[in-house]
């Protein structure tokens, strides 16, 4: 897969709640996702910092959505693929660990997997 070859080995955060579904949790772990505690700001920061340290030590890339989540519904004047404001954490992580940033745009996700 071309995408994986360019990035090399990688890890990504995923909603902690998804890891509570046993079969789904195994699939997420096999896909290199780690649980992210989003409901608790300090827990989320700790998870992202641990991920950054691990990836720096192991020479891994981090795949992360800087919006943190997706809109549940587009607003009246929005198309379905408009972005939420970016969170600062991923950019702090990149600066603190001297990670390069590669922009990846995914359009049409709502049709395949609606938010929620």
C-alpha atoms as a PDB file:
ATOM      1  CA  UNK A   1       0.000   0.000   0.000  1.00  0.00           C
ATOM      2  CA  UNK A   2       1.618   3.225  -1.128  1.00  0.00           C
ATOM      3  CA  UNK A   3       0.325   5.299   1.815  1.00  0.00           C
ATOM      4  CA  UNK A   4       1.935   3.013   4.399  1.00  0.00           C
ATOM      5  CA  UNK A   5       5.247   2.829   2.531  1.00  0.00           C
ATOM      6  CA  UNK A   6       5.622   6.600   2.543  1.00  0.00           C
ATOM      7  CA  UNK A   7       4.941   6.952   6.255  1.00  0.00           C
ATOM      8  CA  UNK A   8       6.732   3.847   7.460  1.00  0.00           C
ATOM      9  CA  UNK A   9       5.399   2.333  10.690  1.00  0.00           C
ATOM     10  CA  UNK A  10       2.695   4.417  12.371  1.00  0.00           C
ATOM     11  CA  UNK A  11       0.307   4.704  15.312  1.00  0.00           C
ATOM     12  CA  UNK A  12      -2.888   6.704  15.672  1.00  0.00           C
ATOM     13  CA  UNK A  13      -5.222   7.651  18.527  1.00  0.00           C
ATOM     14  CA  UNK A  14      -8.828   6.442  18.515  1.00  0.00           C
ATOM     15  CA  UNK A  15     -11.847   7.097  20.722  1.00  0.00           C
ATOM     16  CA  UNK A  16     -11.370   5.232  24.001  1.00  0.00           C
ATOM     17  CA  UNK A  17     -15.043   4.191  23.910  1.00  0.00           C
ATOM     18  CA  UNK A  18     -14.444   2.104  20.762  1.00  0.00           C
ATOM     19  CA  UNK A  19     -11.891  -0.018  22.609  1.00  0.00           C
ATOM     20  CA  UNK A  20     -14.613  -1.200  25.023  1.00  0.00           C
ATOM     21  CA  UNK A  21     -16.171  -3.304  22.230  1.00  0.00           C
ATOM     22  CA  UNK A  22     -14.114  -6.557  22.443  1.00  0.00           C
ATOM     23  CA  UNK A  23     -13.941  -7.601  18.779  1.00  0.00           C
ATOM     24  CA  UNK A  24     -13.644  -4.005  17.596  1.00  0.00           C
ATOM     25  CA  UNK A  25     -10.868  -3.343  20.134  1.00  0.00           C
ATOM     26  CA  UNK A  26      -8.796  -6.190  18.679  1.00  0.00           C
ATOM     27  CA  UNK A  27      -9.265  -4.797  15.184  1.00  0.00           C
ATOM     28  CA  UNK A  28      -8.285  -1.269  16.268  1.00  0.00           C
ATOM     29  CA  UNK A  29      -5.140  -2.528  17.993  1.00  0.00           C
ATOM     30  CA  UNK A  30      -4.226  -4.598  14.920  1.00  0.00           C
ATOM     31  CA  UNK A  31      -4.565  -1.382  12.891  1.00  0.00           C
ATOM     32  CA  UNK A  32      -2.084   0.428  15.209  1.00  0.00           C
ATOM     33  CA  UNK A  33      -4.663   2.576  17.008  1.00  0.00           C
ATOM     34  CA  UNK A  34      -4.276   3.384  20.692  1.00  0.00           C
ATOM     35  CA  UNK A  35      -7.093   4.517  23.031  1.00  0.00           C
ATOM     36  CA  UNK A  36      -7.437   8.272  23.550  1.00  0.00           C
ATOM     37  CA  UNK A  37      -9.201   9.580  26.687  1.00  0.00           C
ATOM     38  CA  UNK A  38     -11.128  12.442  25.081  1.00  0.00           C
ATOM     39  CA  UNK A  39     -13.617  13.184  27.876  1.00  0.00           C
ATOM     40  CA  UNK A  40     -10.891  14.230  30.308  1.00  0.00           C
ATOM     41  CA  UNK A  41      -8.660  16.999  28.902  1.00  0.00           C
ATOM     42  CA  UNK A  42      -5.673  16.073  31.098  1.00  0.00           C
ATOM     43  CA  UNK A  43      -6.114  12.393  30.220  1.00  0.00           C
ATOM     44  CA  UNK A  44      -6.204  13.262  26.504  1.00  0.00           C
ATOM     45  CA  UNK A  45      -3.042  15.354  26.795  1.00  0.00           C
ATOM     46  CA  UNK A  46      -1.307  12.557  28.702  1.00  0.00           C
ATOM     47  CA  UNK A  47      -2.332   9.985  26.049  1.00  0.00           C
ATOM     48  CA  UNK A  48      -1.092  12.181  23.190  1.00  0.00           C
ATOM     49  CA  UNK A  49       2.200  12.906  25.000  1.00  0.00           C
ATOM     50  CA  UNK A  50       2.784   9.184  25.656  1.00  0.00           C
ATOM     51  CA  UNK A  51       2.027   8.454  22.003  1.00  0.00           C
ATOM     52  CA  UNK A  52       4.514  11.148  20.936  1.00  0.00           C
ATOM     53  CA  UNK A  53       7.286   9.804  23.176  1.00  0.00           C
ATOM     54  CA  UNK A  54       6.692   6.236  21.954  1.00  0.00           C
ATOM     55  CA  UNK A  55       6.665   7.264  18.295  1.00  0.00           C
ATOM     56  CA  UNK A  56       9.810   9.354  18.663  1.00  0.00           C
ATOM     57  CA  UNK A  57      11.650   6.527  20.456  1.00  0.00           C
ATOM     58  CA  UNK A  58      10.523   3.862  17.942  1.00  0.00           C
ATOM     59  CA  UNK A  59      10.797   6.132  14.865  1.00  0.00           C
ATOM     60  CA  UNK A  60       7.065   5.824  14.118  1.00  0.00           C
ATOM     61  CA  UNK A  61       4.793   8.348  12.436  1.00  0.00           C
ATOM     62  CA  UNK A  62       1.601   9.566  14.114  1.00  0.00           C
ATOM     63  CA  UNK A  63      -1.651   9.795  12.179  1.00  0.00           C
ATOM     64  CA  UNK A  64      -3.961  12.255  13.876  1.00  0.00           C
ATOM     65  CA  UNK A  65      -7.001  14.344  12.972  1.00  0.00           C
ATOM     66  CA  UNK A  66      -6.262  17.851  14.242  1.00  0.00           C
ATOM     67  CA  UNK A  67      -9.999  18.641  14.491  1.00  0.00           C
ATOM     68  CA  UNK A  68     -10.291  15.987  17.214  1.00  0.00           C
ATOM     69  CA  UNK A  69     -13.721  14.854  15.998  1.00  0.00           C
ATOM     70  CA  UNK A  70     -16.230  15.431  13.230  1.00  0.00           C
ATOM     71  CA  UNK A  71     -19.375  17.542  13.025  1.00  0.00           C
ATOM     72  CA  UNK A  72     -22.516  15.574  13.774  1.00  0.00           C
ATOM     73  CA  UNK A  73     -24.477  17.545  11.160  1.00  0.00           C
ATOM     74  CA  UNK A  74     -23.403  20.120   8.611  1.00  0.00           C
ATOM     75  CA  UNK A  75     -24.783  23.579   9.321  1.00  0.00           C
ATOM     76  CA  UNK A  76     -27.215  25.108   6.831  1.00  0.00           C
ATOM     77  CA  UNK A  77     -24.535  26.860   4.790  1.00  0.00           C
ATOM     78  CA  UNK A  78     -21.860  24.166   5.146  1.00  0.00           C
ATOM     79  CA  UNK A  79     -21.081  21.328   2.822  1.00  0.00           C
ATOM     80  CA  UNK A  80     -20.778  17.989   4.614  1.00  0.00           C
ATOM     81  CA  UNK A  81     -16.991  17.965   4.461  1.00  0.00           C
ATOM     82  CA  UNK A  82     -16.228  21.303   6.183  1.00  0.00           C
ATOM     83  CA  UNK A  83     -13.713  21.039   8.998  1.00  0.00           C
ATOM     84  CA  UNK A  84     -14.003  21.938  12.649  1.00  0.00           C
ATOM     85  CA  UNK A  85     -11.353  24.282  14.096  1.00  0.00           C
ATOM     86  CA  UNK A  86      -8.019  22.525  14.616  1.00  0.00           C
ATOM     87  CA  UNK A  87      -6.893  21.686  18.134  1.00  0.00           C
ATOM     88  CA  UNK A  88      -3.409  22.765  19.237  1.00  0.00           C
ATOM     89  CA  UNK A  89      -2.223  19.416  20.638  1.00  0.00           C
ATOM     90  CA  UNK A  90      -1.137  17.733  17.410  1.00  0.00           C
ATOM     91  CA  UNK A  91       0.903  20.782  16.407  1.00  0.00           C
ATOM     92  CA  UNK A  92       2.559  21.022  19.843  1.00  0.00           C
ATOM     93  CA  UNK A  93       3.383  17.317  19.494  1.00  0.00           C
ATOM     94  CA  UNK A  94       4.971  17.910  16.079  1.00  0.00           C
ATOM     95  CA  UNK A  95       7.022  20.878  17.329  1.00  0.00           C
ATOM     96  CA  UNK A  96       8.077  19.262  20.625  1.00  0.00           C
ATOM     97  CA  UNK A  97       9.260  16.073  18.915  1.00  0.00           C
ATOM     98  CA  UNK A  98      10.548  17.573  15.661  1.00  0.00           C
ATOM     99  CA  UNK A  99       7.998  15.554  13.650  1.00  0.00           C
ATOM    100  CA  UNK A 100       7.305  16.468  10.042  1.00  0.00           C
ATOM    101  CA  UNK A 101       3.689  17.274   9.195  1.00  0.00           C
ATOM    102  CA  UNK A 102       2.046  15.638   6.181  1.00  0.00           C
ATOM    103  CA  UNK A 103      -1.407  16.923   5.289  1.00  0.00           C
ATOM    104  CA  UNK A 104      -3.895  14.220   4.320  1.00  0.00           C
ATOM    105  CA  UNK A 105      -7.393  15.268   3.280  1.00  0.00           C
ATOM    106  CA  UNK A 106     -10.236  12.758   3.410  1.00  0.00           C
ATOM    107  CA  UNK A 107     -13.505  13.773   1.764  1.00  0.00           C
ATOM    108  CA  UNK A 108     -16.752  11.821   1.851  1.00  0.00           C
ATOM    109  CA  UNK A 109     -16.190   9.985   5.149  1.00  0.00           C
ATOM    110  CA  UNK A 110     -19.700  10.873   6.349  1.00  0.00           C
ATOM    111  CA  UNK A 111     -21.220   8.700   3.618  1.00  0.00           C
ATOM    112  CA  UNK A 112     -19.078   5.701   4.584  1.00  0.00           C
ATOM    113  CA  UNK A 113     -19.066   6.105   8.383  1.00  0.00           C
ATOM    114  CA  UNK A 114     -21.365   8.782   9.841  1.00  0.00           C
ATOM    115  CA  UNK A 115     -20.152  10.552  13.017  1.00  0.00           C
ATOM    116  CA  UNK A 116     -21.427   9.352  16.340  1.00  0.00           C
END
